[in-house]
N, C-alpha and C. Protein backbone atom coordinates (compact mmCIF):
# COMPACT_ATOMS: atom_id res chain seq x y z
N MET A 1 0.93 -11.46 59.21
CA MET A 1 0.41 -11.98 57.96
C MET A 1 -0.79 -11.17 57.52
N GLU A 2 -1.65 -10.82 58.45
CA GLU A 2 -2.85 -10.08 58.13
C GLU A 2 -2.52 -8.68 57.58
N ALA A 3 -1.51 -8.04 58.10
CA ALA A 3 -1.09 -6.72 57.64
C ALA A 3 -0.55 -6.83 56.20
N ARG A 4 0.16 -7.91 55.94
CA ARG A 4 0.68 -8.12 54.57
C ARG A 4 -0.44 -8.29 53.57
N ALA A 5 -1.47 -9.03 53.94
CA ALA A 5 -2.62 -9.27 53.04
C ALA A 5 -3.31 -7.94 52.77
N LYS A 6 -3.48 -7.08 53.82
CA LYS A 6 -4.12 -5.79 53.64
C LYS A 6 -3.31 -4.90 52.73
N LEU A 7 -2.00 -4.99 52.88
CA LEU A 7 -1.10 -4.19 52.03
C LEU A 7 -1.22 -4.62 50.56
N VAL A 8 -1.27 -5.91 50.32
CA VAL A 8 -1.39 -6.43 48.96
C VAL A 8 -2.72 -6.01 48.35
N LEU A 9 -3.79 -6.14 49.11
CA LEU A 9 -5.11 -5.72 48.64
C LEU A 9 -5.16 -4.24 48.31
N ARG A 10 -4.56 -3.41 49.21
CA ARG A 10 -4.53 -1.97 48.98
C ARG A 10 -3.71 -1.66 47.74
N TRP A 11 -2.59 -2.32 47.55
CA TRP A 11 -1.75 -2.11 46.39
C TRP A 11 -2.51 -2.46 45.10
N GLU A 12 -3.23 -3.60 45.13
CA GLU A 12 -4.03 -3.99 43.95
C GLU A 12 -5.10 -2.96 43.65
N PHE A 13 -5.76 -2.45 44.70
CA PHE A 13 -6.81 -1.45 44.52
C PHE A 13 -6.23 -0.19 43.88
N LEU A 14 -5.13 0.29 44.39
CA LEU A 14 -4.50 1.51 43.87
C LEU A 14 -4.02 1.30 42.44
N GLU A 15 -3.53 0.12 42.15
CA GLU A 15 -3.03 -0.18 40.78
C GLU A 15 -4.21 -0.17 39.80
N ARG A 16 -5.34 -0.78 40.18
CA ARG A 16 -6.53 -0.78 39.30
C ARG A 16 -7.04 0.65 39.11
N GLU A 17 -7.03 1.42 40.18
CA GLU A 17 -7.47 2.81 40.10
C GLU A 17 -6.57 3.62 39.15
N ARG A 18 -5.28 3.41 39.24
CA ARG A 18 -4.34 4.10 38.39
C ARG A 18 -4.55 3.72 36.94
N LEU A 19 -4.76 2.44 36.66
CA LEU A 19 -4.98 1.97 35.30
C LEU A 19 -6.30 2.52 34.74
N ALA A 20 -7.31 2.66 35.58
CA ALA A 20 -8.58 3.18 35.11
C ALA A 20 -8.49 4.65 34.73
N LYS A 21 -7.60 5.38 35.35
CA LYS A 21 -7.43 6.81 35.05
C LYS A 21 -6.61 7.06 33.78
N GLN A 22 -5.78 6.12 33.39
CA GLN A 22 -4.95 6.26 32.22
C GLN A 22 -5.80 6.14 30.95
N PRO A 23 -5.51 6.95 29.93
CA PRO A 23 -6.24 6.78 28.67
C PRO A 23 -5.89 5.44 28.05
N GLN A 24 -6.87 4.81 27.43
CA GLN A 24 -6.64 3.54 26.81
C GLN A 24 -5.85 3.72 25.51
N GLN A 25 -4.78 2.99 25.38
CA GLN A 25 -3.99 3.03 24.16
C GLN A 25 -4.32 1.84 23.31
N LEU A 26 -4.71 2.12 22.06
CA LEU A 26 -5.05 1.04 21.15
C LEU A 26 -3.77 0.55 20.46
N ALA A 27 -3.83 -0.67 20.05
CA ALA A 27 -2.66 -1.24 19.33
C ALA A 27 -2.63 -0.73 17.89
N LEU A 28 -3.77 -0.23 17.41
CA LEU A 28 -3.83 0.22 16.01
C LEU A 28 -3.30 1.66 15.90
N PRO A 29 -2.66 1.97 14.79
CA PRO A 29 -2.21 3.37 14.59
C PRO A 29 -3.40 4.27 14.30
N SER A 30 -3.23 5.53 14.46
CA SER A 30 -4.29 6.50 14.21
C SER A 30 -4.58 6.59 12.71
N PRO A 31 -5.75 7.09 12.33
CA PRO A 31 -6.05 7.23 10.90
C PRO A 31 -5.01 8.08 10.15
N LYS A 32 -4.48 9.10 10.79
CA LYS A 32 -3.49 9.92 10.12
C LYS A 32 -2.22 9.13 9.87
N GLU A 33 -1.85 8.28 10.84
CA GLU A 33 -0.66 7.44 10.64
C GLU A 33 -0.87 6.41 9.54
N ILE A 34 -2.10 5.86 9.46
CA ILE A 34 -2.42 4.88 8.43
C ILE A 34 -2.32 5.56 7.05
N LEU A 35 -2.88 6.78 6.91
CA LEU A 35 -2.81 7.51 5.65
C LEU A 35 -1.38 7.83 5.25
N ALA A 36 -0.56 8.22 6.25
CA ALA A 36 0.84 8.52 5.96
C ALA A 36 1.58 7.28 5.48
N LEU A 37 1.31 6.12 6.12
CA LEU A 37 1.95 4.88 5.69
C LEU A 37 1.50 4.51 4.28
N ALA A 38 0.20 4.65 3.99
CA ALA A 38 -0.32 4.35 2.66
C ALA A 38 0.33 5.25 1.62
N ASP A 39 0.48 6.54 1.93
CA ASP A 39 1.12 7.46 0.99
C ASP A 39 2.55 7.05 0.71
N ASP A 40 3.27 6.61 1.74
CA ASP A 40 4.64 6.15 1.56
C ASP A 40 4.69 4.93 0.66
N ILE A 41 3.80 3.98 0.89
CA ILE A 41 3.77 2.74 0.10
C ILE A 41 3.44 3.06 -1.35
N ILE A 42 2.43 3.89 -1.56
CA ILE A 42 2.03 4.24 -2.94
C ILE A 42 3.16 5.02 -3.63
N GLY A 43 3.79 5.93 -2.88
CA GLY A 43 4.88 6.71 -3.44
C GLY A 43 6.03 5.83 -3.88
N LYS A 44 6.38 4.86 -3.05
CA LYS A 44 7.45 3.93 -3.40
C LYS A 44 7.10 3.13 -4.67
N GLY A 45 5.85 2.69 -4.71
CA GLY A 45 5.40 1.92 -5.89
C GLY A 45 5.46 2.75 -7.16
N LEU A 46 5.02 4.00 -7.08
CA LEU A 46 5.06 4.88 -8.26
C LEU A 46 6.49 5.17 -8.66
N ARG A 47 7.37 5.39 -7.69
CA ARG A 47 8.77 5.65 -8.05
C ARG A 47 9.38 4.43 -8.73
N MET A 48 9.01 3.21 -8.29
CA MET A 48 9.53 2.02 -8.92
C MET A 48 9.00 1.87 -10.36
N LEU A 49 7.71 2.20 -10.53
CA LEU A 49 7.13 2.11 -11.88
C LEU A 49 7.70 3.11 -12.85
N ASN A 50 8.10 4.25 -12.31
CA ASN A 50 8.63 5.32 -13.16
C ASN A 50 10.12 5.22 -13.40
N GLU A 51 10.80 4.24 -12.85
CA GLU A 51 12.21 4.09 -13.07
C GLU A 51 12.42 3.64 -14.53
N PRO A 52 13.43 4.17 -15.15
CA PRO A 52 13.66 3.75 -16.54
C PRO A 52 14.09 2.27 -16.58
N ALA A 53 13.51 1.55 -17.51
CA ALA A 53 13.82 0.13 -17.65
C ALA A 53 14.94 -0.01 -18.67
N GLU A 54 15.77 -1.03 -18.48
CA GLU A 54 16.86 -1.30 -19.41
C GLU A 54 16.41 -2.29 -20.46
N ASP A 55 16.90 -2.12 -21.66
CA ASP A 55 16.66 -3.04 -22.77
C ASP A 55 15.18 -3.24 -23.06
N THR A 56 14.40 -2.17 -23.02
CA THR A 56 12.99 -2.27 -23.37
C THR A 56 12.66 -1.22 -24.42
N LEU A 57 11.58 -1.49 -25.17
CA LEU A 57 11.13 -0.58 -26.20
C LEU A 57 9.69 -0.15 -25.95
N THR A 58 9.35 1.03 -26.35
CA THR A 58 7.97 1.45 -26.30
C THR A 58 7.25 0.97 -27.54
N ALA A 59 5.93 1.07 -27.53
CA ALA A 59 5.14 0.66 -28.70
C ALA A 59 5.50 1.51 -29.89
N THR A 60 5.75 2.78 -29.68
CA THR A 60 6.15 3.68 -30.77
C THR A 60 7.48 3.26 -31.37
N GLN A 61 8.43 2.87 -30.52
CA GLN A 61 9.74 2.45 -31.03
C GLN A 61 9.61 1.17 -31.87
N VAL A 62 8.77 0.26 -31.43
CA VAL A 62 8.57 -1.00 -32.19
C VAL A 62 7.92 -0.67 -33.51
N ALA A 63 6.92 0.20 -33.49
CA ALA A 63 6.23 0.56 -34.74
C ALA A 63 7.19 1.20 -35.71
N LYS A 64 8.07 2.08 -35.24
CA LYS A 64 9.03 2.72 -36.14
C LYS A 64 10.01 1.71 -36.71
N THR A 65 10.38 0.73 -35.90
CA THR A 65 11.32 -0.30 -36.36
C THR A 65 10.75 -1.06 -37.55
N PHE A 66 9.43 -1.37 -37.49
CA PHE A 66 8.82 -2.13 -38.57
C PHE A 66 8.09 -1.20 -39.57
N LYS A 67 8.41 0.08 -39.49
CA LYS A 67 7.84 1.08 -40.38
C LYS A 67 6.32 1.02 -40.40
N MET A 68 5.76 0.95 -39.21
CA MET A 68 4.30 0.88 -39.05
C MET A 68 3.78 2.26 -38.68
N THR A 69 3.92 3.19 -39.58
CA THR A 69 3.44 4.54 -39.33
C THR A 69 2.40 4.92 -40.36
N GLY A 70 1.54 5.84 -40.04
CA GLY A 70 0.58 6.33 -40.98
C GLY A 70 -0.76 5.61 -40.86
N GLU A 71 -1.62 5.86 -41.84
CA GLU A 71 -2.97 5.29 -41.85
C GLU A 71 -2.93 3.79 -42.14
N GLY A 72 -3.94 3.10 -41.65
CA GLY A 72 -4.09 1.69 -41.97
C GLY A 72 -3.17 0.76 -41.23
N THR A 73 -2.47 1.24 -40.22
CA THR A 73 -1.62 0.34 -39.45
C THR A 73 -2.34 -0.08 -38.18
N LEU A 74 -1.88 -1.13 -37.61
CA LEU A 74 -2.47 -1.69 -36.39
C LEU A 74 -2.14 -0.85 -35.20
N ASP A 75 -3.17 -0.50 -34.43
CA ASP A 75 -2.95 0.23 -33.20
C ASP A 75 -2.43 -0.73 -32.16
N MET A 76 -1.23 -0.51 -31.65
CA MET A 76 -0.57 -1.44 -30.73
C MET A 76 -1.36 -1.60 -29.43
N THR A 77 -2.11 -0.61 -29.00
CA THR A 77 -2.81 -0.71 -27.72
C THR A 77 -4.13 -1.43 -27.85
N THR A 78 -4.73 -1.49 -29.05
CA THR A 78 -6.02 -2.15 -29.21
C THR A 78 -5.87 -3.56 -29.76
N ALA A 79 -4.71 -3.99 -30.15
CA ALA A 79 -4.52 -5.32 -30.72
C ALA A 79 -4.94 -6.41 -29.75
N PRO A 80 -4.57 -6.37 -28.49
CA PRO A 80 -5.02 -7.45 -27.58
C PRO A 80 -6.52 -7.48 -27.43
N VAL A 81 -7.18 -6.35 -27.40
CA VAL A 81 -8.63 -6.32 -27.26
C VAL A 81 -9.32 -6.92 -28.49
N SER A 82 -8.86 -6.49 -29.67
CA SER A 82 -9.52 -6.99 -30.89
C SER A 82 -9.27 -8.48 -31.07
N SER A 83 -8.11 -9.00 -30.68
CA SER A 83 -7.84 -10.43 -30.83
C SER A 83 -8.70 -11.24 -29.86
N ARG A 84 -9.00 -10.70 -28.70
CA ARG A 84 -9.86 -11.39 -27.75
C ARG A 84 -11.28 -11.45 -28.29
N LEU A 85 -11.72 -10.41 -28.97
CA LEU A 85 -13.08 -10.38 -29.50
C LEU A 85 -13.24 -11.41 -30.62
N ARG A 86 -12.23 -11.62 -31.37
CA ARG A 86 -12.30 -12.58 -32.49
C ARG A 86 -12.32 -14.03 -31.97
N SER A 87 -11.69 -14.25 -30.84
CA SER A 87 -11.56 -15.66 -30.36
C SER A 87 -12.83 -16.14 -29.71
N ARG A 88 -13.77 -15.26 -29.46
CA ARG A 88 -15.04 -15.70 -28.79
C ARG A 88 -15.97 -16.26 -29.73
């Protein structure tokens, strides 16, 4: 029994020694891996945003439909801003 206990203690000592010599591995990915993942995510998002949409019109197409061209017409991009300013 005593020999078995010595064997177990020696095994534990050697195991701790082996673990101490191994480089510590973190659960987190490296900064390069994080940047690569972020680039993939952003790239997928941009590709989705740039996909052509079905049954939609641009502001220019709407303006042409209502013959809103030339001077004195409402700028489609500033309309929401100007309407918010009036409501205050």
